[in-house]
């Protein structure tokens, strides 16, 4: 059986917003996709993008690869030119 809820539209800045009942389980700040077709609206959560890369499967598979020491992780100071703007480090 389909549940039915009533919601109010209200002005929020220069936009309108729809206040949805807490019973729907939508969290504040959750991003939604809204579709309009012939005057009817449907919405659904945006699928979460997992931008992380899982490296657990390659650990130890590259011969000769070892973690950098603290000394190997330091860089010498130099001037950097990104997009024509000279940036000084240090």
PDB file of N, CA and C in Angstrom:
ATOM      1  N   UNK A   1       0.838  -1.186   0.000  1.00  0.00           N
ATOM      2  CA  UNK A   1       0.000   0.000   0.000  1.00  0.00           C
ATOM      3  C   UNK A   1       0.883   1.250   0.000  1.00  0.00           C
ATOM      4  N   UNK A   2       0.552   2.200  -0.814  1.00  0.00           N
ATOM      5  CA  UNK A   2       1.307   3.445  -0.908  1.00  0.00           C
ATOM      6  C   UNK A   2       0.925   4.373   0.236  1.00  0.00           C
ATOM      7  N   UNK A   3       1.953   4.935   0.900  1.00  0.00           N
ATOM      8  CA  UNK A   3       1.704   5.915   1.956  1.00  0.00           C
ATOM      9  C   UNK A   3       1.597   7.286   1.310  1.00  0.00           C
ATOM     10  N   UNK A   4       0.768   8.113   1.879  1.00  0.00           N
ATOM     11  CA  UNK A   4       0.581   9.457   1.351  1.00  0.00           C
ATOM     12  C   UNK A   4       0.841  10.467   2.458  1.00  0.00           C
ATOM     13  N   UNK A   5       1.603  11.514   2.128  1.00  0.00           N
ATOM     14  CA  UNK A   5       1.931  12.565   3.080  1.00  0.00           C
ATOM     15  C   UNK A   5       1.569  13.911   2.463  1.00  0.00           C
ATOM     16  N   UNK A   6       1.265  14.878   3.294  1.00  0.00           N
ATOM     17  CA  UNK A   6       1.069  16.252   2.827  1.00  0.00           C
ATOM     18  C   UNK A   6       2.293  17.055   3.232  1.00  0.00           C
ATOM     19  N   UNK A   7       2.705  17.938   2.339  1.00  0.00           N
ATOM     20  CA  UNK A   7       3.872  18.770   2.606  1.00  0.00           C
ATOM     21  C   UNK A   7       3.563  20.186   2.160  1.00  0.00           C
ATOM     22  N   UNK A   8       4.204  21.153   2.808  1.00  0.00           N
ATOM     23  CA  UNK A   8       3.978  22.571   2.481  1.00  0.00           C
ATOM     24  C   UNK A   8       5.132  23.137   1.678  1.00  0.00           C
ATOM     25  N   UNK A   9       4.798  23.935   0.705  1.00  0.00           N
ATOM     26  CA  UNK A   9       5.783  24.692  -0.062  1.00  0.00           C
ATOM     27  C   UNK A   9       5.876  26.068   0.591  1.00  0.00           C
ATOM     28  N   UNK A  10       7.124  26.548   0.760  1.00  0.00           N
ATOM     29  CA  UNK A  10       7.312  27.869   1.360  1.00  0.00           C
ATOM     30  C   UNK A  10       8.445  28.596   0.649  1.00  0.00           C
ATOM     31  N   UNK A  11       8.492  29.912   0.827  1.00  0.00           N
ATOM     32  CA  UNK A  11       9.525  30.726   0.201  1.00  0.00           C
ATOM     33  C   UNK A  11      10.796  30.636   1.028  1.00  0.00           C
ATOM     34  N   UNK A  12      11.918  30.424   0.345  1.00  0.00           N
ATOM     35  CA  UNK A  12      13.229  30.345   0.993  1.00  0.00           C
ATOM     36  C   UNK A  12      14.191  31.174   0.156  1.00  0.00           C
ATOM     37  N   UNK A  13      14.453  32.410   0.567  1.00  0.00           N
ATOM     38  CA  UNK A  13      15.278  33.315  -0.241  1.00  0.00           C
ATOM     39  C   UNK A  13      14.557  33.630  -1.531  1.00  0.00           C
ATOM     40  N   UNK A  14      15.224  33.444  -2.669  1.00  0.00           N
ATOM     41  CA  UNK A  14      14.606  33.677  -3.974  1.00  0.00           C
ATOM     42  C   UNK A  14      14.062  32.390  -4.583  1.00  0.00           C
ATOM     43  N   UNK A  15      13.964  31.336  -3.787  1.00  0.00           N
ATOM     44  CA  UNK A  15      13.478  30.043  -4.261  1.00  0.00           C
ATOM     45  C   UNK A  15      12.252  29.634  -3.462  1.00  0.00           C
ATOM     46  N   UNK A  16      11.694  28.512  -3.847  1.00  0.00           N
ATOM     47  CA  UNK A  16      10.663  27.894  -3.025  1.00  0.00           C
ATOM     48  C   UNK A  16      11.224  26.565  -2.532  1.00  0.00           C
ATOM     49  N   UNK A  17      10.764  26.128  -1.379  1.00  0.00           N
ATOM     50  CA  UNK A  17      11.248  24.888  -0.788  1.00  0.00           C
ATOM     51  C   UNK A  17      10.046  24.051  -0.379  1.00  0.00           C
ATOM     52  N   UNK A  18      10.282  22.758  -0.292  1.00  0.00           N
ATOM     53  CA  UNK A  18       9.229  21.833   0.106  1.00  0.00           C
ATOM     54  C   UNK A  18       9.629  21.192   1.419  1.00  0.00           C
ATOM     55  N   UNK A  19       8.835  21.401   2.446  1.00  0.00           N
ATOM     56  CA  UNK A  19       9.118  20.822   3.755  1.00  0.00           C
ATOM     57  C   UNK A  19       8.538  19.416   3.777  1.00  0.00           C
ATOM     58  N   UNK A  20       9.426  18.408   3.913  1.00  0.00           N
ATOM     59  CA  UNK A  20       9.004  17.012   3.868  1.00  0.00           C
ATOM     60  C   UNK A  20       8.902  16.439   5.279  1.00  0.00           C
ATOM     61  N   UNK A  21       7.946  15.554   5.509  1.00  0.00           N
ATOM     62  CA  UNK A  21       7.777  14.968   6.845  1.00  0.00           C
ATOM     63  C   UNK A  21       8.986  14.147   7.279  1.00  0.00           C
ATOM     64  N   UNK A  22       9.304  14.219   8.553  1.00  0.00           N
ATOM     65  CA  UNK A  22      10.423  13.468   9.134  1.00  0.00           C
ATOM     66  C   UNK A  22      10.231  11.962   8.929  1.00  0.00           C
ATOM     67  N   UNK A  23       8.980  11.525   8.848  1.00  0.00           N
ATOM     68  CA  UNK A  23       8.662  10.103   8.699  1.00  0.00           C
ATOM     69  C   UNK A  23       9.246   9.502   7.411  1.00  0.00           C
ATOM     70  N   UNK A  24       9.599  10.333   6.451  1.00  0.00           N
ATOM     71  CA  UNK A  24      10.185   9.820   5.213  1.00  0.00           C
ATOM     72  C   UNK A  24      11.623   9.351   5.412  1.00  0.00           C
ATOM     73  N   UNK A  25      12.264   9.789   6.504  1.00  0.00           N
ATOM     74  CA  UNK A  25      13.622   9.339   6.808  1.00  0.00           C
ATOM     75  C   UNK A  25      14.706  10.050   6.016  1.00  0.00           C
ATOM     76  N   UNK A  26      14.392  11.174   5.408  1.00  0.00           N
ATOM     77  CA  UNK A  26      15.383  11.939   4.649  1.00  0.00           C
ATOM     78  C   UNK A  26      16.184  12.789   5.628  1.00  0.00           C
ATOM     79  N   UNK A  27      17.510  12.756   5.502  1.00  0.00           N
ATOM     80  CA  UNK A  27      18.379  13.513   6.412  1.00  0.00           C
ATOM     81  C   UNK A  27      18.618  14.912   5.855  1.00  0.00           C
ATOM     82  N   UNK A  28      18.754  15.876   6.748  1.00  0.00           N
ATOM     83  CA  UNK A  28      19.048  17.256   6.346  1.00  0.00           C
ATOM     84  C   UNK A  28      20.365  17.291   5.579  1.00  0.00           C
ATOM     85  N   UNK A  29      20.391  18.004   4.477  1.00  0.00           N
ATOM     86  CA  UNK A  29      21.602  18.133   3.674  1.00  0.00           C
ATOM     87  C   UNK A  29      21.758  17.050   2.622  1.00  0.00           C
ATOM     88  N   UNK A  30      20.887  16.051   2.638  1.00  0.00           N
ATOM     89  CA  UNK A  30      20.971  14.968   1.656  1.00  0.00           C
ATOM     90  C   UNK A  30      20.640  15.524   0.272  1.00  0.00           C
ATOM     91  N   UNK A  31      21.452  15.182  -0.724  1.00  0.00           N
ATOM     92  CA  UNK A  31      21.243  15.672  -2.081  1.00  0.00           C
ATOM     93  C   UNK A  31      20.238  14.783  -2.796  1.00  0.00           C
ATOM     94  N   UNK A  32      19.305  15.413  -3.516  1.00  0.00           N
ATOM     95  CA  UNK A  32      18.239  14.683  -4.186  1.00  0.00           C
ATOM     96  C   UNK A  32      18.194  15.033  -5.671  1.00  0.00           C
ATOM     97  N   UNK A  33      17.724  14.106  -6.474  1.00  0.00           N
ATOM     98  CA  UNK A  33      17.430  14.354  -7.885  1.00  0.00           C
ATOM     99  C   UNK A  33      15.923  14.562  -7.974  1.00  0.00           C
ATOM    100  N   UNK A  34      15.491  15.643  -8.628  1.00  0.00           N
ATOM    101  CA  UNK A  34      14.069  15.936  -8.784  1.00  0.00           C
ATOM    102  C   UNK A  34      13.747  15.870 -10.275  1.00  0.00           C
ATOM    103  N   UNK A  35      12.702  15.134 -10.605  1.00  0.00           N
ATOM    104  CA  UNK A  35      12.262  15.012 -11.997  1.00  0.00           C
ATOM    105  C   UNK A  35      10.844  15.558 -12.120  1.00  0.00           C
ATOM    106  N   UNK A  36      10.592  16.250 -13.229  1.00  0.00           N
ATOM    107  CA  UNK A  36       9.257  16.774 -13.494  1.00  0.00           C
ATOM    108  C   UNK A  36       8.802  16.199 -14.832  1.00  0.00           C
ATOM    109  N   UNK A  37       7.629  15.611 -14.833  1.00  0.00           N
ATOM    110  CA  UNK A  37       7.064  15.079 -16.065  1.00  0.00           C
ATOM    111  C   UNK A  37       5.569  15.372 -16.087  1.00  0.00           C
ATOM    112  N   UNK A  38       5.173  16.201 -17.031  1.00  0.00           N
ATOM    113  CA  UNK A  38       3.764  16.570 -17.210  1.00  0.00           C
ATOM    114  C   UNK A  38       3.123  17.069 -15.916  1.00  0.00           C
ATOM    115  N   UNK A  39       3.840  17.933 -15.211  1.00  0.00           N
ATOM    116  CA  UNK A  39       3.283  18.549 -14.008  1.00  0.00           C
ATOM    117  C   UNK A  39       3.372  17.702 -12.748  1.00  0.00           C
ATOM    118  N   UNK A  40       3.959  16.501 -12.846  1.00  0.00           N
ATOM    119  CA  UNK A  40       4.139  15.654 -11.667  1.00  0.00           C
ATOM    120  C   UNK A  40       5.620  15.607 -11.323  1.00  0.00           C
ATOM    121  N   UNK A  41       5.922  15.582 -10.033  1.00  0.00           N
ATOM    122  CA  UNK A  41       7.296  15.602  -9.565  1.00  0.00           C
ATOM    123  C   UNK A  41       7.631  14.297  -8.854  1.00  0.00           C
ATOM    124  N   UNK A  42       8.845  13.835  -9.084  1.00  0.00           N
ATOM    125  CA  UNK A  42       9.357  12.656  -8.381  1.00  0.00           C
ATOM    126  C   UNK A  42      10.764  13.002  -7.917  1.00  0.00           C
ATOM    127  N   UNK A  43      11.156  12.486  -6.762  1.00  0.00           N
ATOM    128  CA  UNK A  43      12.502  12.758  -6.276  1.00  0.00           C
ATOM    129  C   UNK A  43      13.092  11.488  -5.689  1.00  0.00           C
ATOM    130  N   UNK A  44      14.437  11.422  -5.736  1.00  0.00           N
ATOM    131  CA  UNK A  44      15.154  10.278  -5.177  1.00  0.00           C
ATOM    132  C   UNK A  44      16.541  10.728  -4.762  1.00  0.00           C
ATOM    133  N   UNK A  45      17.147  10.033  -3.792  1.00  0.00           N
ATOM    134  CA  UNK A  45      18.489  10.418  -3.346  1.00  0.00           C
ATOM    135  C   UNK A  45      19.515  10.222  -4.456  1.00  0.00           C
ATOM    136  N   UNK A  46      20.507  11.108  -4.485  1.00  0.00           N
ATOM    137  CA  UNK A  46      21.625  10.969  -5.408  1.00  0.00           C
ATOM    138  C   UNK A  46      22.492   9.819  -4.910  1.00  0.00           C
ATOM    139  N   UNK A  47      22.889   8.945  -5.819  1.00  0.00           N
ATOM    140  CA  UNK A  47      23.751   7.824  -5.437  1.00  0.00           C
ATOM    141  C   UNK A  47      25.075   8.371  -4.924  1.00  0.00           C
ATOM    142  N   UNK A  48      25.538   7.840  -3.814  1.00  0.00           N
ATOM    143  CA  UNK A  48      26.793   8.294  -3.222  1.00  0.00           C
ATOM    144  C   UNK A  48      27.968   7.849  -4.082  1.00  0.00           C
ATOM    145  N   UNK A  49      28.810   8.793  -4.466  1.00  0.00           N
ATOM    146  CA  UNK A  49      30.028   8.480  -5.213  1.00  0.00           C
ATOM    147  C   UNK A  49      31.113   8.138  -4.217  1.00  0.00           C
ATOM    148  N   UNK A  50      31.709   6.998  -4.380  1.00  0.00           N
ATOM    149  CA  UNK A  50      32.813   6.614  -3.516  1.00  0.00           C
ATOM    150  C   UNK A  50      34.095   6.890  -4.279  1.00  0.00           C
ATOM    151  N   UNK A  51      34.676   8.077  -4.050  1.00  0.00           N
ATOM    152  CA  UNK A  51      35.861   8.515  -4.787  1.00  0.00           C
ATOM    153  C   UNK A  51      37.145   7.883  -4.277  1.00  0.00           C
ATOM    154  N   UNK A  52      37.047   7.108  -3.214  1.00  0.00           N
ATOM    155  CA  UNK A  52      38.249   6.504  -2.663  1.00  0.00           C
ATOM    156  C   UNK A  52      38.698   5.340  -3.541  1.00  0.00           C
ATOM    157  N   UNK A  53      39.989   5.115  -3.581  1.00  0.00           N
ATOM    158  CA  UNK A  53      40.571   4.013  -4.335  1.00  0.00           C
ATOM    159  C   UNK A  53      41.031   2.969  -3.341  1.00  0.00           C
ATOM    160  N   UNK A  54      40.614   1.737  -3.535  1.00  0.00           N
ATOM    161  CA  UNK A  54      40.990   0.649  -2.650  1.00  0.00           C
ATOM    162  C   UNK A  54      42.313   0.054  -3.126  1.00  0.00           C
ATOM    163  N   UNK A  55      43.367   0.240  -2.339  1.00  0.00           N
ATOM    164  CA  UNK A  55      44.697  -0.244  -2.698  1.00  0.00           C
ATOM    165  C   UNK A  55      45.076  -1.523  -1.962  1.00  0.00           C
ATOM    166  N   UNK A  56      44.154  -2.078  -1.192  1.00  0.00           N
ATOM    167  CA  UNK A  56      44.499  -3.249  -0.391  1.00  0.00           C
ATOM    168  C   UNK A  56      44.900  -4.439  -1.256  1.00  0.00           C
ATOM    169  N   UNK A  57      44.376  -4.549  -2.457  1.00  0.00           N
ATOM    170  CA  UNK A  57      44.689  -5.678  -3.319  1.00  0.00           C
ATOM    171  C   UNK A  57      46.067  -5.625  -3.949  1.00  0.00           C
ATOM    172  N   UNK A  58      46.707  -4.446  -3.953  1.00  0.00           N
ATOM    173  CA  UNK A  58      48.025  -4.351  -4.593  1.00  0.00           C
ATOM    174  C   UNK A  58      49.168  -4.256  -3.591  1.00  0.00           C
ATOM    175  N   UNK A  59      48.843  -4.205  -2.295  1.00  0.00           N
ATOM    176  CA  UNK A  59      49.896  -4.090  -1.284  1.00  0.00           C
ATOM    177  C   UNK A  59      50.870  -5.256  -1.411  1.00  0.00           C
ATOM    178  N   UNK A  60      52.135  -4.957  -1.563  1.00  0.00           N
ATOM    179  CA  UNK A  60      53.170  -5.976  -1.648  1.00  0.00           C
ATOM    180  C   UNK A  60      53.334  -6.587  -3.026  1.00  0.00           C
ATOM    181  N   UNK A  61      52.562  -6.124  -4.013  1.00  0.00           N
ATOM    182  CA  UNK A  61      52.640  -6.742  -5.336  1.00  0.00           C
ATOM    183  C   UNK A  61      53.667  -6.076  -6.252  1.00  0.00           C
ATOM    184  N   UNK A  62      54.248  -4.947  -5.835  1.00  0.00           N
ATOM    185  CA  UNK A  62      55.241  -4.254  -6.654  1.00  0.00           C
ATOM    186  C   UNK A  62      56.615  -4.479  -6.031  1.00  0.00           C
ATOM    187  N   UNK A  63      57.468  -5.275  -6.701  1.00  0.00           N
ATOM    188  CA  UNK A  63      58.789  -5.543  -6.128  1.00  0.00           C
ATOM    189  C   UNK A  63      59.616  -4.260  -6.016  1.00  0.00           C
ATOM    190  N   UNK A  64      60.314  -4.117  -4.930  1.00  0.00           N
ATOM    191  CA  UNK A  64      61.190  -2.969  -4.742  1.00  0.00           C
ATOM    192  C   UNK A  64      60.491  -1.719  -4.234  1.00  0.00           C
ATOM    193  N   UNK A  65      59.173  -1.736  -4.134  1.00  0.00           N
ATOM    194  CA  UNK A  65      58.445  -0.574  -3.637  1.00  0.00           C
ATOM    195  C   UNK A  65      58.476  -0.575  -2.116  1.00  0.00           C
ATOM    196  N   UNK A  66      58.948   0.540  -1.544  1.00  0.00           N
ATOM    197  CA  UNK A  66      59.018   0.632  -0.095  1.00  0.00           C
ATOM    198  C   UNK A  66      58.545   2.016   0.330  1.00  0.00           C
ATOM    199  N   UNK A  67      58.065   2.150   1.553  1.00  0.00           N
ATOM    200  CA  UNK A  67      57.627   3.463   2.024  1.00  0.00           C
ATOM    201  C   UNK A  67      58.795   4.448   2.057  1.00  0.00           C
ATOM    202  N   UNK A  68      58.479   5.724   1.823  1.00  0.00           N
ATOM    203  CA  UNK A  68      59.500   6.769   1.892  1.00  0.00           C
ATOM    204  C   UNK A  68      59.873   7.048   3.340  1.00  0.00           C
ATOM    205  N   UNK A  69      61.143   7.326   3.562  1.00  0.00           N
ATOM    206  CA  UNK A  69      61.582   7.747   4.890  1.00  0.00           C
ATOM    207  C   UNK A  69      61.204   9.205   5.085  1.00  0.00           C
ATOM    208  N   UNK A  70      61.295   9.699   6.313  1.00  0.00           N
ATOM    209  CA  UNK A  70      60.963  11.101   6.587  1.00  0.00           C
ATOM    210  C   UNK A  70      61.842  12.040   5.755  1.00  0.00           C
ATOM    211  N   UNK A  71      63.110  11.712   5.600  1.00  0.00           N
ATOM    212  CA  UNK A  71      64.021  12.556   4.825  1.00  0.00           C
ATOM    213  C   UNK A  71      63.636  12.569   3.340  1.00  0.00           C
ATOM    214  N   UNK A  72      63.161  11.467   2.845  1.00  0.00           N
ATOM    215  CA  UNK A  72      62.771  11.388   1.435  1.00  0.00           C
ATOM    216  C   UNK A  72      61.466  12.136   1.157  1.00  0.00           C
ATOM    217  N   UNK A  73      60.708  12.424   2.197  1.00  0.00           N
ATOM    218  CA  UNK A  73      59.431  13.121   2.033  1.00  0.00           C
ATOM    219  C   UNK A  73      59.564  14.636   2.063  1.00  0.00           C
ATOM    220  N   UNK A  74      60.730  15.175   2.345  1.00  0.00           N
ATOM    221  CA  UNK A  74      60.901  16.631   2.376  1.00  0.00           C
ATOM    222  C   UNK A  74      61.298  17.118   0.989  1.00  0.00           C
ATOM    223  N   UNK A  75      60.842  18.305   0.652  1.00  0.00           N
ATOM    224  CA  UNK A  75      61.107  18.898  -0.652  1.00  0.00           C
ATOM    225  C   UNK A  75      61.935  20.151  -0.466  1.00  0.00           C
ATOM    226  N   UNK A  76      62.757  20.428  -1.433  1.00  0.00           N
ATOM    227  CA  UNK A  76      63.542  21.665  -1.366  1.00  0.00           C
ATOM    228  C   UNK A  76      62.638  22.835  -1.738  1.00  0.00           C
ATOM    229  N   UNK A  77      62.895  23.995  -1.124  1.00  0.00           N
ATOM    230  CA  UNK A  77      62.114  25.193  -1.433  1.00  0.00           C
ATOM    231  C   UNK A  77      62.400  25.649  -2.848  1.00  0.00           C
ATOM    232  N   UNK A  78      61.339  26.060  -3.534  1.00  0.00           N
ATOM    233  CA  UNK A  78      61.489  26.574  -4.897  1.00  0.00           C
ATOM    234  C   UNK A  78      60.299  27.465  -5.207  1.00  0.00           C
ATOM    235  N   UNK A  79      60.469  28.342  -6.201  1.00  0.00           N
ATOM    236  CA  UNK A  79      59.382  29.196  -6.646  1.00  0.00           C
ATOM    237  C   UNK A  79      58.525  28.402  -7.627  1.00  0.00           C
ATOM    238  N   UNK A  80      57.217  28.514  -7.484  1.00  0.00           N
ATOM    239  CA  UNK A  80      56.284  27.807  -8.351  1.00  0.00           C
ATOM    240  C   UNK A  80      55.495  28.812  -9.170  1.00  0.00           C
ATOM    241  N   UNK A  81      55.316  28.546 -10.453  1.00  0.00           N
ATOM    242  CA  UNK A  81      54.554  29.424 -11.329  1.00  0.00           C
ATOM    243  C   UNK A  81      53.318  28.678 -11.816  1.00  0.00           C
ATOM    244  N   UNK A  82      52.189  28.888 -11.145  1.00  0.00           N
ATOM    245  CA  UNK A  82      50.936  28.261 -11.523  1.00  0.00           C
ATOM    246  C   UNK A  82      50.036  29.312 -12.153  1.00  0.00           C
ATOM    247  N   UNK A  83      49.672  29.097 -13.393  1.00  0.00           N
ATOM    248  CA  UNK A  83      48.786  29.989 -14.136  1.00  0.00           C
ATOM    249  C   UNK A  83      49.317  31.423 -14.150  1.00  0.00           C
ATOM    250  N   UNK A  84      50.610  31.556 -14.310  1.00  0.00           N
ATOM    251  CA  UNK A  84      51.208  32.891 -14.425  1.00  0.00           C
ATOM    252  C   UNK A  84      51.330  33.635 -13.124  1.00  0.00           C
ATOM    253  N   UNK A  85      51.020  33.000 -12.002  1.00  0.00           N
ATOM    254  CA  UNK A  85      51.147  33.646 -10.692  1.00  0.00           C
ATOM    255  C   UNK A  85      52.298  33.013  -9.968  1.00  0.00           C
ATOM    256  N   UNK A  86      53.317  33.778  -9.685  1.00  0.00           N
ATOM    257  CA  UNK A  86      54.508  33.265  -9.007  1.00  0.00           C
ATOM    258  C   UNK A  86      54.193  33.081  -7.528  1.00  0.00           C
ATOM    259  N   UNK A  87      54.349  31.866  -7.058  1.00  0.00           N
ATOM    260  CA  UNK A  87      54.090  31.556  -5.658  1.00  0.00           C
ATOM    261  C   UNK A  87      55.394  31.225  -4.971  1.00  0.00           C
ATOM    262  N   UNK A  88      55.629  31.829  -3.831  1.00  0.00           N
ATOM    263  CA  UNK A  88      56.841  31.558  -3.067  1.00  0.00           C
ATOM    264  C   UNK A  88      56.510  30.659  -1.911  1.00  0.00           C
ATOM    265  N   UNK A  89      57.304  29.622  -1.703  1.00  0.00           N
ATOM    266  CA  UNK A  89      57.147  28.739  -0.550  1.00  0.00           C
ATOM    267  C   UNK A  89      58.115  29.143   0.533  1.00  0.00           C
ATOM    268  N   UNK A  90      57.724  28.868   1.753  1.00  0.00           N
ATOM    269  CA  UNK A  90      58.635  29.077   2.860  1.00  0.00           C
ATOM    270  C   UNK A  90      58.488  30.339   3.595  1.00  0.00           C
TER     271      UNK A  90
END
